Amino acid sequence: MGSFNGDFNNDFDVYFDITSDAIIGIIEGVPFSEQLVATQAAIWSVVSGTLPTGITLSSGGLISGTTTVIGNSNITIRATSNVGSYIDEVEFLFRVTASTGGALWRRRSSVYNFRLLGVR
């Protein structure tokens, strides 16, 4: 039988990514709720931009609320893993429309997927 002389804390890389794909639109005056998802449990935050008035992002990744402001917002959202100092950031385009339209589109323009060194 062989033996292992490595360090279990440093020998394995973990893939961490925001995996939310199809997020439905926001319609003015209609309550909205969407849970963001990552490959591991995460703490969520807005890195840049401003969510539409009346819409919030919880640290658990729930986007919710009701807005009466029509328009577009570019927001970068960060997920930080609960178990290992990994982060991923995705820029979202929030589109709030008046009635039948509306979409919250996900686009990857700036994606950061790395481990913060020296943090455990």
C-alpha atoms as a PDB file:
ATOM      1  CA  MET A   1       0.000   0.000   0.000  1.00  0.00           C
ATOM      2  CA  GLY A   2       1.129   3.517  -0.732  1.00  0.00           C
ATOM      3  CA  SER A   3       1.158   6.429   1.615  1.00  0.00           C
ATOM      4  CA  PHE A   4       0.192  10.080   1.314  1.00  0.00           C
ATOM      5  CA  ASN A   5       2.627  12.735   2.455  1.00  0.00           C
ATOM      6  CA  GLY A   6       0.747  15.808   1.242  1.00  0.00           C
ATOM      7  CA  ASP A   7      -1.177  18.536   2.993  1.00  0.00           C
ATOM      8  CA  PHE A   8      -4.930  18.051   2.599  1.00  0.00           C
ATOM      9  CA  ASN A   9      -5.474  21.777   3.165  1.00  0.00           C
ATOM     10  CA  ASN A  10      -3.393  22.879   0.187  1.00  0.00           C
ATOM     11  CA  ASP A  11      -3.352  20.070  -2.376  1.00  0.00           C
ATOM     12  CA  PHE A  12      -6.835  20.419  -3.841  1.00  0.00           C
ATOM     13  CA  ASP A  13      -8.387  23.200  -5.888  1.00  0.00           C
ATOM     14  CA  VAL A  14     -12.090  23.834  -5.583  1.00  0.00           C
ATOM     15  CA  TYR A  15     -14.154  25.180  -8.462  1.00  0.00           C
ATOM     16  CA  PHE A  16     -16.435  28.026  -7.399  1.00  0.00           C
ATOM     17  CA  ASP A  17     -18.797  29.787  -9.785  1.00  0.00           C
ATOM     18  CA  ILE A  18     -22.047  31.708  -9.935  1.00  0.00           C
ATOM     19  CA  THR A  19     -24.337  29.346 -11.844  1.00  0.00           C
ATOM     20  CA  SER A  20     -27.576  31.339 -12.139  1.00  0.00           C
ATOM     21  CA  ASP A  21     -28.623  31.344 -15.784  1.00  0.00           C
ATOM     22  CA  ALA A  22     -32.175  32.248 -16.729  1.00  0.00           C
ATOM     23  CA  ILE A  23     -33.406  34.989 -14.447  1.00  0.00           C
ATOM     24  CA  ILE A  24     -36.834  36.329 -15.341  1.00  0.00           C
ATOM     25  CA  GLY A  25     -37.600  39.980 -15.929  1.00  0.00           C
ATOM     26  CA  ILE A  26     -38.690  42.662 -13.553  1.00  0.00           C
ATOM     27  CA  ILE A  27     -41.973  44.357 -14.347  1.00  0.00           C
ATOM     28  CA  GLU A  28     -42.778  47.725 -12.833  1.00  0.00           C
ATOM     29  CA  GLY A  29     -45.118  47.425  -9.843  1.00  0.00           C
ATOM     30  CA  VAL A  30     -45.060  43.611  -9.751  1.00  0.00           C
ATOM     31  CA  PRO A  31     -43.389  41.855  -6.779  1.00  0.00           C
ATOM     32  CA  PHE A  32     -40.154  40.181  -7.899  1.00  0.00           C
ATOM     33  CA  SER A  33     -38.166  37.362  -6.281  1.00  0.00           C
ATOM     34  CA  GLU A  34     -35.249  35.332  -7.650  1.00  0.00           C
ATOM     35  CA  GLN A  35     -32.686  33.207  -5.799  1.00  0.00           C
ATOM     36  CA  LEU A  36     -29.124  33.417  -7.125  1.00  0.00           C
ATOM     37  CA  VAL A  37     -27.162  30.141  -7.149  1.00  0.00           C
ATOM     38  CA  ALA A  38     -23.461  29.262  -6.947  1.00  0.00           C
ATOM     39  CA  THR A  39     -21.603  25.946  -6.907  1.00  0.00           C
ATOM     40  CA  GLN A  40     -21.195  26.266  -3.112  1.00  0.00           C
ATOM     41  CA  ALA A  41     -23.022  28.073  -0.331  1.00  0.00           C
ATOM     42  CA  ALA A  42     -22.107  31.753  -0.574  1.00  0.00           C
ATOM     43  CA  ILE A  43     -22.471  35.212   0.866  1.00  0.00           C
ATOM     44  CA  TRP A  44     -23.743  37.633  -1.786  1.00  0.00           C
ATOM     45  CA  SER A  45     -23.103  41.358  -2.228  1.00  0.00           C
ATOM     46  CA  VAL A  46     -23.273  44.174  -4.761  1.00  0.00           C
ATOM     47  CA  VAL A  47     -19.770  45.218  -5.826  1.00  0.00           C
ATOM     48  CA  SER A  48     -20.661  48.065  -8.170  1.00  0.00           C
ATOM     49  CA  GLY A  49     -23.744  49.725  -9.523  1.00  0.00           C
ATOM     50  CA  THR A  50     -27.090  50.299  -7.845  1.00  0.00           C
ATOM     51  CA  LEU A  51     -30.031  47.928  -7.775  1.00  0.00           C
ATOM     52  CA  PRO A  52     -33.309  49.383  -9.057  1.00  0.00           C
ATOM     53  CA  THR A  53     -35.191  51.356  -6.399  1.00  0.00           C
ATOM     54  CA  GLY A  54     -37.216  48.959  -4.253  1.00  0.00           C
ATOM     55  CA  ILE A  55     -35.134  45.879  -5.187  1.00  0.00           C
ATOM     56  CA  THR A  56     -32.719  44.350  -2.665  1.00  0.00           C
ATOM     57  CA  LEU A  57     -30.111  41.576  -2.592  1.00  0.00           C
ATOM     58  CA  SER A  58     -29.880  39.583   0.642  1.00  0.00           C
ATOM     59  CA  SER A  59     -26.583  38.114   1.842  1.00  0.00           C
ATOM     60  CA  GLY A  60     -28.195  34.735   1.096  1.00  0.00           C
ATOM     61  CA  GLY A  61     -28.539  35.625  -2.617  1.00  0.00           C
ATOM     62  CA  LEU A  62     -32.238  36.475  -2.808  1.00  0.00           C
ATOM     63  CA  ILE A  63     -33.060  39.350  -5.151  1.00  0.00           C
ATOM     64  CA  SER A  64     -36.504  40.648  -4.231  1.00  0.00           C
ATOM     65  CA  GLY A  65     -38.808  43.614  -4.004  1.00  0.00           C
ATOM     66  CA  THR A  66     -41.108  45.792  -6.065  1.00  0.00           C
ATOM     67  CA  THR A  67     -39.923  48.720  -8.146  1.00  0.00           C
ATOM     68  CA  THR A  68     -41.849  51.539  -9.776  1.00  0.00           C
ATOM     69  CA  VAL A  69     -38.835  52.868 -11.669  1.00  0.00           C
ATOM     70  CA  ILE A  70     -38.531  51.823 -15.322  1.00  0.00           C
ATOM     71  CA  GLY A  71     -35.045  51.568 -16.795  1.00  0.00           C
ATOM     72  CA  ASN A  72     -31.800  49.635 -16.974  1.00  0.00           C
ATOM     73  CA  SER A  73     -29.156  49.086 -14.303  1.00  0.00           C
ATOM     74  CA  ASN A  74     -25.738  47.448 -14.628  1.00  0.00           C
ATOM     75  CA  ILE A  75     -24.752  45.766 -11.384  1.00  0.00           C
ATOM     76  CA  THR A  76     -21.763  43.581 -10.539  1.00  0.00           C
ATOM     77  CA  ILE A  77     -22.681  40.968  -7.954  1.00  0.00           C
ATOM     78  CA  ARG A  78     -20.113  39.008  -5.930  1.00  0.00           C
ATOM     79  CA  ALA A  79     -20.508  35.573  -4.346  1.00  0.00           C
ATOM     80  CA  THR A  80     -17.989  34.658  -1.653  1.00  0.00           C
ATOM     81  CA  SER A  81     -17.931  30.986  -0.660  1.00  0.00           C
ATOM     82  CA  ASN A  82     -18.726  30.125   2.934  1.00  0.00           C
ATOM     83  CA  VAL A  83     -16.077  27.399   3.054  1.00  0.00           C
ATOM     84  CA  GLY A  84     -12.875  28.615   1.560  1.00  0.00           C
ATOM     85  CA  SER A  85     -12.276  32.215   0.535  1.00  0.00           C
ATOM     86  CA  TYR A  86     -13.317  31.723  -3.079  1.00  0.00           C
ATOM     87  CA  ILE A  87     -15.118  34.477  -4.973  1.00  0.00           C
ATOM     88  CA  ASP A  88     -16.846  34.948  -8.301  1.00  0.00           C
ATOM     89  CA  GLU A  89     -18.259  38.167  -9.740  1.00  0.00           C
ATOM     90  CA  VAL A  90     -20.743  38.581 -12.572  1.00  0.00           C
ATOM     91  CA  GLU A  91     -22.105  41.743 -14.150  1.00  0.00           C
ATOM     92  CA  PHE A  92     -25.881  41.707 -14.517  1.00  0.00           C
ATOM     93  CA  LEU A  93     -28.100  43.964 -16.608  1.00  0.00           C
ATOM     94  CA  PHE A  94     -31.380  44.606 -14.813  1.00  0.00           C
ATOM     95  CA  ARG A  95     -34.139  45.746 -17.176  1.00  0.00           C
ATOM     96  CA  VAL A  96     -37.331  47.019 -15.603  1.00  0.00           C
ATOM     97  CA  THR A  97     -40.204  47.490 -18.044  1.00  0.00           C
ATOM     98  CA  ALA A  98     -43.682  48.938 -17.791  1.00  0.00           C
ATOM     99  CA  SER A  99     -45.901  45.966 -18.501  1.00  0.00           C
ATOM    100  CA  THR A 100     -45.424  42.816 -20.620  1.00  0.00           C
ATOM    101  CA  GLY A 101     -41.701  42.927 -21.322  1.00  0.00           C
ATOM    102  CA  GLY A 102     -38.728  42.975 -19.053  1.00  0.00           C
ATOM    103  CA  ALA A 103     -35.741  40.804 -18.552  1.00  0.00           C
ATOM    104  CA  LEU A 104     -32.901  40.387 -16.160  1.00  0.00           C
ATOM    105  CA  TRP A 105     -30.123  39.319 -18.463  1.00  0.00           C
ATOM    106  CA  ARG A 106     -26.923  37.718 -17.305  1.00  0.00           C
ATOM    107  CA  ARG A 107     -23.783  38.497 -19.176  1.00  0.00           C
ATOM    108  CA  ARG A 108     -20.222  37.708 -18.345  1.00  0.00           C
ATOM    109  CA  SER A 109     -18.167  40.751 -19.141  1.00  0.00           C
ATOM    110  CA  SER A 110     -15.860  40.695 -16.147  1.00  0.00           C
ATOM    111  CA  VAL A 111     -15.577  37.421 -14.308  1.00  0.00           C
ATOM    112  CA  TYR A 112     -13.232  36.845 -11.413  1.00  0.00           C
ATOM    113  CA  ASN A 113     -12.851  33.301 -10.169  1.00  0.00           C
ATOM    114  CA  PHE A 114      -9.957  32.906  -7.803  1.00  0.00           C
ATOM    115  CA  ARG A 115      -8.944  32.038  -4.277  1.00  0.00           C
ATOM    116  CA  LEU A 116      -7.842  34.765  -1.897  1.00  0.00           C
ATOM    117  CA  LEU A 117      -4.347  33.706  -0.880  1.00  0.00           C
ATOM    118  CA  GLY A 118      -3.428  33.627   2.760  1.00  0.00           C
ATOM    119  CA  VAL A 119      -7.022  33.603   4.001  1.00  0.00           C
ATOM    120  CA  ARG A 120      -8.489  30.556   5.707  1.00  0.00           C
END
